């Protein structure tokens, strides 16, 4: 027999504060080392990536 026990626990991961700090750190790296074109494209990529990550993990809590 198999035990079908489903345990719902909060996944261990970075807190919101750590995610914001990483985002700001990456934006600073883009601003310092990239030109305007790379900064704009990188910023769009970062925003989309972090928004998708937040959306995926915020749905887990509800």
PDB file of N, CA and C in Angstrom:
ATOM      1  N   UNK A   1       0.842  -1.183   0.000  1.00  0.00           N
ATOM      2  CA  UNK A   1       0.000   0.000   0.000  1.00  0.00           C
ATOM      3  C   UNK A   1       0.882   1.240   0.000  1.00  0.00           C
ATOM      4  N   UNK A   2       0.394   2.227  -0.648  1.00  0.00           N
ATOM      5  CA  UNK A   2       1.124   3.494  -0.654  1.00  0.00           C
ATOM      6  C   UNK A   2       0.383   4.499   0.208  1.00  0.00           C
ATOM      7  N   UNK A   3       1.135   5.295   0.880  1.00  0.00           N
ATOM      8  CA  UNK A   3       0.546   6.351   1.709  1.00  0.00           C
ATOM      9  C   UNK A   3       0.406   7.610   0.874  1.00  0.00           C
ATOM     10  N   UNK A   4      -0.814   8.060   0.682  1.00  0.00           N
ATOM     11  CA  UNK A   4      -1.060   9.287  -0.068  1.00  0.00           C
ATOM     12  C   UNK A   4      -1.213  10.449   0.901  1.00  0.00           C
ATOM     13  N   UNK A   5      -0.130  10.807   1.515  1.00  0.00           N
ATOM     14  CA  UNK A   5      -0.127  11.905   2.477  1.00  0.00           C
ATOM     15  C   UNK A   5       0.464  13.120   1.789  1.00  0.00           C
ATOM     16  N   UNK A   6      -0.304  14.173   1.736  1.00  0.00           N
ATOM     17  CA  UNK A   6       0.150  15.411   1.115  1.00  0.00           C
ATOM     18  C   UNK A   6       0.386  16.447   2.205  1.00  0.00           C
ATOM     19  N   UNK A   7       1.603  16.842   2.340  1.00  0.00           N
ATOM     20  CA  UNK A   7       1.955  17.837   3.336  1.00  0.00           C
ATOM     21  C   UNK A   7       2.167  19.161   2.624  1.00  0.00           C
ATOM     22  N   UNK A   8       1.377  20.148   2.987  1.00  0.00           N
ATOM     23  CA  UNK A   8       1.502  21.476   2.396  1.00  0.00           C
ATOM     24  C   UNK A   8       2.302  22.347   3.344  1.00  0.00           C
ATOM     25  N   UNK A   9       3.505  22.635   2.960  1.00  0.00           N
ATOM     26  CA  UNK A   9       4.338  23.499   3.773  1.00  0.00           C
ATOM     27  C   UNK A   9       4.864  24.619   2.911  1.00  0.00           C
ATOM     28  N   UNK A  10       5.174  25.701   3.559  1.00  0.00           N
ATOM     29  CA  UNK A  10       5.707  26.856   2.844  1.00  0.00           C
ATOM     30  C   UNK A  10       7.105  26.529   2.332  1.00  0.00           C
ATOM     31  N   UNK A  11       7.326  26.717   1.011  1.00  0.00           N
ATOM     32  CA  UNK A  11       8.656  26.412   0.483  1.00  0.00           C
ATOM     33  C   UNK A  11       9.700  27.379   1.024  1.00  0.00           C
ATOM     34  N   UNK A  12      10.855  26.836   1.304  1.00  0.00           N
ATOM     35  CA  UNK A  12      11.944  27.678   1.786  1.00  0.00           C
ATOM     36  C   UNK A  12      12.522  28.448   0.616  1.00  0.00           C
ATOM     37  N   UNK A  13      12.637  29.739   0.763  1.00  0.00           N
ATOM     38  CA  UNK A  13      13.184  30.567  -0.298  1.00  0.00           C
ATOM     39  C   UNK A  13      13.548  31.924   0.248  1.00  0.00           C
ATOM     40  N   UNK A  14      13.969  32.763  -0.651  1.00  0.00           N
ATOM     41  CA  UNK A  14      14.381  34.103  -0.265  1.00  0.00           C
ATOM     42  C   UNK A  14      13.158  34.932   0.124  1.00  0.00           C
ATOM     43  N   UNK A  15      13.333  35.779   1.103  1.00  0.00           N
ATOM     44  CA  UNK A  15      12.241  36.655   1.505  1.00  0.00           C
ATOM     45  C   UNK A  15      12.083  37.783   0.489  1.00  0.00           C
ATOM     46  N   UNK A  16      11.041  38.560   0.651  1.00  0.00           N
ATOM     47  CA  UNK A  16      10.778  39.665  -0.263  1.00  0.00           C
ATOM     48  C   UNK A  16      11.894  40.705  -0.170  1.00  0.00           C
ATOM     49  N   UNK A  17      12.386  40.949   1.027  1.00  0.00           N
ATOM     50  CA  UNK A  17      13.465  41.927   1.199  1.00  0.00           C
ATOM     51  C   UNK A  17      14.739  41.525   0.478  1.00  0.00           C
ATOM     52  N   UNK A  18      15.057  40.234   0.535  1.00  0.00           N
ATOM     53  CA  UNK A  18      16.247  39.746  -0.161  1.00  0.00           C
ATOM     54  C   UNK A  18      16.050  39.846  -1.666  1.00  0.00           C
ATOM     55  N   UNK A  19      14.854  39.543  -2.149  1.00  0.00           N
ATOM     56  CA  UNK A  19      14.573  39.661  -3.580  1.00  0.00           C
ATOM     57  C   UNK A  19      14.708  41.104  -4.059  1.00  0.00           C
ATOM     58  N   UNK A  20      14.226  42.045  -3.273  1.00  0.00           N
ATOM     59  CA  UNK A  20      14.346  43.461  -3.640  1.00  0.00           C
ATOM     60  C   UNK A  20      15.803  43.893  -3.637  1.00  0.00           C
ATOM     61  N   UNK A  21      16.561  43.435  -2.656  1.00  0.00           N
ATOM     62  CA  UNK A  21      17.982  43.777  -2.598  1.00  0.00           C
ATOM     63  C   UNK A  21      18.740  43.214  -3.800  1.00  0.00           C
ATOM     64  N   UNK A  22      18.439  41.984  -4.191  1.00  0.00           N
ATOM     65  CA  UNK A  22      19.077  41.391  -5.370  1.00  0.00           C
ATOM     66  C   UNK A  22      18.702  42.169  -6.620  1.00  0.00           C
ATOM     67  N   UNK A  23      17.431  42.553  -6.740  1.00  0.00           N
ATOM     68  CA  UNK A  23      16.977  43.326  -7.897  1.00  0.00           C
ATOM     69  C   UNK A  23      17.729  44.655  -7.986  1.00  0.00           C
ATOM     70  N   UNK A  24      17.813  45.367  -6.875  1.00  0.00           N
ATOM     71  CA  UNK A  24      18.511  46.660  -6.869  1.00  0.00           C
ATOM     72  C   UNK A  24      19.991  46.483  -7.190  1.00  0.00           C
ATOM     73  N   UNK A  25      20.610  45.432  -6.644  1.00  0.00           N
ATOM     74  CA  UNK A  25      22.012  45.143  -6.927  1.00  0.00           C
ATOM     75  C   UNK A  25      22.231  44.896  -8.417  1.00  0.00           C
ATOM     76  N   UNK A  26      21.350  44.120  -9.037  1.00  0.00           N
ATOM     77  CA  UNK A  26      21.490  43.852 -10.472  1.00  0.00           C
ATOM     78  C   UNK A  26      21.255  45.105 -11.316  1.00  0.00           C
ATOM     79  N   UNK A  27      20.333  45.955 -10.903  1.00  0.00           N
ATOM     80  CA  UNK A  27      20.106  47.215 -11.618  1.00  0.00           C
ATOM     81  C   UNK A  27      21.343  48.109 -11.523  1.00  0.00           C
ATOM     82  N   UNK A  28      21.961  48.145 -10.361  1.00  0.00           N
ATOM     83  CA  UNK A  28      23.185  48.946 -10.195  1.00  0.00           C
ATOM     84  C   UNK A  28      24.300  48.408 -11.087  1.00  0.00           C
ATOM     85  N   UNK A  29      24.437  47.086 -11.160  1.00  0.00           N
ATOM     86  CA  UNK A  29      25.446  46.504 -12.041  1.00  0.00           C
ATOM     87  C   UNK A  29      25.177  46.892 -13.493  1.00  0.00           C
ATOM     88  N   UNK A  30      23.920  46.841 -13.909  1.00  0.00           N
ATOM     89  CA  UNK A  30      23.578  47.256 -15.274  1.00  0.00           C
ATOM     90  C   UNK A  30      23.911  48.721 -15.507  1.00  0.00           C
ATOM     91  N   UNK A  31      23.620  49.572 -14.537  1.00  0.00           N
ATOM     92  CA  UNK A  31      23.859  51.002 -14.695  1.00  0.00           C
ATOM     93  C   UNK A  31      25.350  51.319 -14.768  1.00  0.00           C
ATOM     94  N   UNK A  32      26.152  50.594 -14.006  1.00  0.00           N
ATOM     95  CA  UNK A  32      27.581  50.882 -13.949  1.00  0.00           C
ATOM     96  C   UNK A  32      28.308  50.325 -15.162  1.00  0.00           C
ATOM     97  N   UNK A  33      28.006  49.103 -15.553  1.00  0.00           N
ATOM     98  CA  UNK A  33      28.795  48.422 -16.571  1.00  0.00           C
ATOM     99  C   UNK A  33      28.162  48.424 -17.968  1.00  0.00           C
ATOM    100  N   UNK A  34      26.925  48.844 -18.095  1.00  0.00           N
ATOM    101  CA  UNK A  34      26.272  48.810 -19.396  1.00  0.00           C
ATOM    102  C   UNK A  34      26.059  50.200 -19.964  1.00  0.00           C
ATOM    103  N   UNK A  35      25.919  50.263 -21.281  1.00  0.00           N
ATOM    104  CA  UNK A  35      25.546  51.537 -21.886  1.00  0.00           C
ATOM    105  C   UNK A  35      24.022  51.691 -21.793  1.00  0.00           C
ATOM    106  N   UNK A  36      23.481  52.750 -22.366  1.00  0.00           N
ATOM    107  CA  UNK A  36      22.051  53.036 -22.207  1.00  0.00           C
ATOM    108  C   UNK A  36      21.184  51.944 -22.823  1.00  0.00           C
ATOM    109  N   UNK A  37      21.565  51.454 -23.994  1.00  0.00           N
ATOM    110  CA  UNK A  37      20.784  50.416 -24.669  1.00  0.00           C
ATOM    111  C   UNK A  37      20.752  49.132 -23.835  1.00  0.00           C
ATOM    112  N   UNK A  38      21.898  48.708 -23.353  1.00  0.00           N
ATOM    113  CA  UNK A  38      21.981  47.494 -22.534  1.00  0.00           C
ATOM    114  C   UNK A  38      21.230  47.700 -21.222  1.00  0.00           C
ATOM    115  N   UNK A  39      21.320  48.894 -20.652  1.00  0.00           N
ATOM    116  CA  UNK A  39      20.612  49.180 -19.405  1.00  0.00           C
ATOM    117  C   UNK A  39      19.103  49.070 -19.602  1.00  0.00           C
ATOM    118  N   UNK A  40      18.584  49.653 -20.681  1.00  0.00           N
ATOM    119  CA  UNK A  40      17.141  49.616 -20.921  1.00  0.00           C
ATOM    120  C   UNK A  40      16.665  48.185 -21.162  1.00  0.00           C
ATOM    121  N   UNK A  41      17.370  47.443 -22.030  1.00  0.00           N
ATOM    122  CA  UNK A  41      16.968  46.056 -22.292  1.00  0.00           C
ATOM    123  C   UNK A  41      17.132  45.184 -21.044  1.00  0.00           C
ATOM    124  N   UNK A  42      18.207  45.386 -20.315  1.00  0.00           N
ATOM    125  CA  UNK A  42      18.427  44.615 -19.095  1.00  0.00           C
ATOM    126  C   UNK A  42      17.393  44.916 -18.032  1.00  0.00           C
ATOM    127  N   UNK A  43      17.019  46.179 -17.908  1.00  0.00           N
ATOM    128  CA  UNK A  43      16.006  46.559 -16.933  1.00  0.00           C
ATOM    129  C   UNK A  43      14.659  45.932 -17.278  1.00  0.00           C
ATOM    130  N   UNK A  44      14.307  45.945 -18.554  1.00  0.00           N
ATOM    131  CA  UNK A  44      13.057  45.294 -18.970  1.00  0.00           C
ATOM    132  C   UNK A  44      13.120  43.793 -18.654  1.00  0.00           C
ATOM    133  N   UNK A  45      14.249  43.165 -18.954  1.00  0.00           N
ATOM    134  CA  UNK A  45      14.405  41.743 -18.662  1.00  0.00           C
ATOM    135  C   UNK A  45      14.325  41.442 -17.176  1.00  0.00           C
ATOM    136  N   UNK A  46      14.955  42.281 -16.365  1.00  0.00           N
ATOM    137  CA  UNK A  46      14.902  42.079 -14.913  1.00  0.00           C
ATOM    138  C   UNK A  46      13.482  42.226 -14.371  1.00  0.00           C
ATOM    139  N   UNK A  47      12.782  43.252 -14.831  1.00  0.00           N
ATOM    140  CA  UNK A  47      11.420  43.483 -14.354  1.00  0.00           C
ATOM    141  C   UNK A  47      10.516  42.311 -14.726  1.00  0.00           C
ATOM    142  N   UNK A  48      10.625  41.842 -15.962  1.00  0.00           N
ATOM    143  CA  UNK A  48       9.790  40.714 -16.394  1.00  0.00           C
ATOM    144  C   UNK A  48      10.136  39.457 -15.599  1.00  0.00           C
ATOM    145  N   UNK A  49      11.426  39.203 -15.420  1.00  0.00           N
ATOM    146  CA  UNK A  49      11.858  38.009 -14.688  1.00  0.00           C
ATOM    147  C   UNK A  49      11.400  38.032 -13.235  1.00  0.00           C
ATOM    148  N   UNK A  50      11.626  39.148 -12.550  1.00  0.00           N
ATOM    149  CA  UNK A  50      11.241  39.220 -11.148  1.00  0.00           C
ATOM    150  C   UNK A  50       9.727  39.242 -10.982  1.00  0.00           C
ATOM    151  N   UNK A  51       8.998  39.860 -11.924  1.00  0.00           N
ATOM    152  CA  UNK A  51       7.535  39.861 -11.846  1.00  0.00           C
ATOM    153  C   UNK A  51       6.977  38.459 -12.034  1.00  0.00           C
ATOM    154  N   UNK A  52       7.543  37.711 -12.971  1.00  0.00           N
ATOM    155  CA  UNK A  52       7.088  36.334 -13.186  1.00  0.00           C
ATOM    156  C   UNK A  52       7.416  35.468 -11.976  1.00  0.00           C
ATOM    157  N   UNK A  53       8.592  35.664 -11.398  1.00  0.00           N
ATOM    158  CA  UNK A  53       8.983  34.910 -10.202  1.00  0.00           C
ATOM    159  C   UNK A  53       8.035  35.216  -9.046  1.00  0.00           C
ATOM    160  N   UNK A  54       7.715  36.501  -8.861  1.00  0.00           N
ATOM    161  CA  UNK A  54       6.821  36.888  -7.776  1.00  0.00           C
ATOM    162  C   UNK A  54       5.418  36.340  -8.002  1.00  0.00           C
ATOM    163  N   UNK A  55       4.956  36.393  -9.253  1.00  0.00           N
ATOM    164  CA  UNK A  55       3.617  35.903  -9.574  1.00  0.00           C
ATOM    165  C   UNK A  55       3.517  34.403  -9.313  1.00  0.00           C
ATOM    166  N   UNK A  56       4.548  33.643  -9.690  1.00  0.00           N
ATOM    167  CA  UNK A  56       4.547  32.201  -9.461  1.00  0.00           C
ATOM    168  C   UNK A  56       4.514  31.873  -7.976  1.00  0.00           C
ATOM    169  N   UNK A  57       5.292  32.594  -7.178  1.00  0.00           N
ATOM    170  CA  UNK A  57       5.375  32.276  -5.758  1.00  0.00           C
ATOM    171  C   UNK A  57       4.247  32.896  -4.939  1.00  0.00           C
ATOM    172  N   UNK A  58       3.629  33.968  -5.426  1.00  0.00           N
ATOM    173  CA  UNK A  58       2.517  34.536  -4.678  1.00  0.00           C
ATOM    174  C   UNK A  58       1.275  33.667  -4.827  1.00  0.00           C
ATOM    175  N   UNK A  59       1.149  32.954  -5.932  1.00  0.00           N
ATOM    176  CA  UNK A  59       0.008  32.057  -6.130  1.00  0.00           C
ATOM    177  C   UNK A  59       0.109  30.833  -5.237  1.00  0.00           C
ATOM    178  N   UNK A  60       1.317  30.456  -4.843  1.00  0.00           N
ATOM    179  CA  UNK A  60       1.496  29.301  -3.973  1.00  0.00           C
ATOM    180  C   UNK A  60       0.935  29.537  -2.581  1.00  0.00           C
ATOM    181  N   UNK A  61       0.922  30.785  -2.155  1.00  0.00           N
ATOM    182  CA  UNK A  61       0.477  31.096  -0.804  1.00  0.00           C
ATOM    183  C   UNK A  61      -1.025  31.092  -0.635  1.00  0.00           C
ATOM    184  N   UNK A  62      -1.773  31.117  -1.720  1.00  0.00           N
ATOM    185  CA  UNK A  62      -3.229  31.199  -1.621  1.00  0.00           C
ATOM    186  C   UNK A  62      -3.878  29.906  -2.017  1.00  0.00           C
TER     187      UNK A  62
END
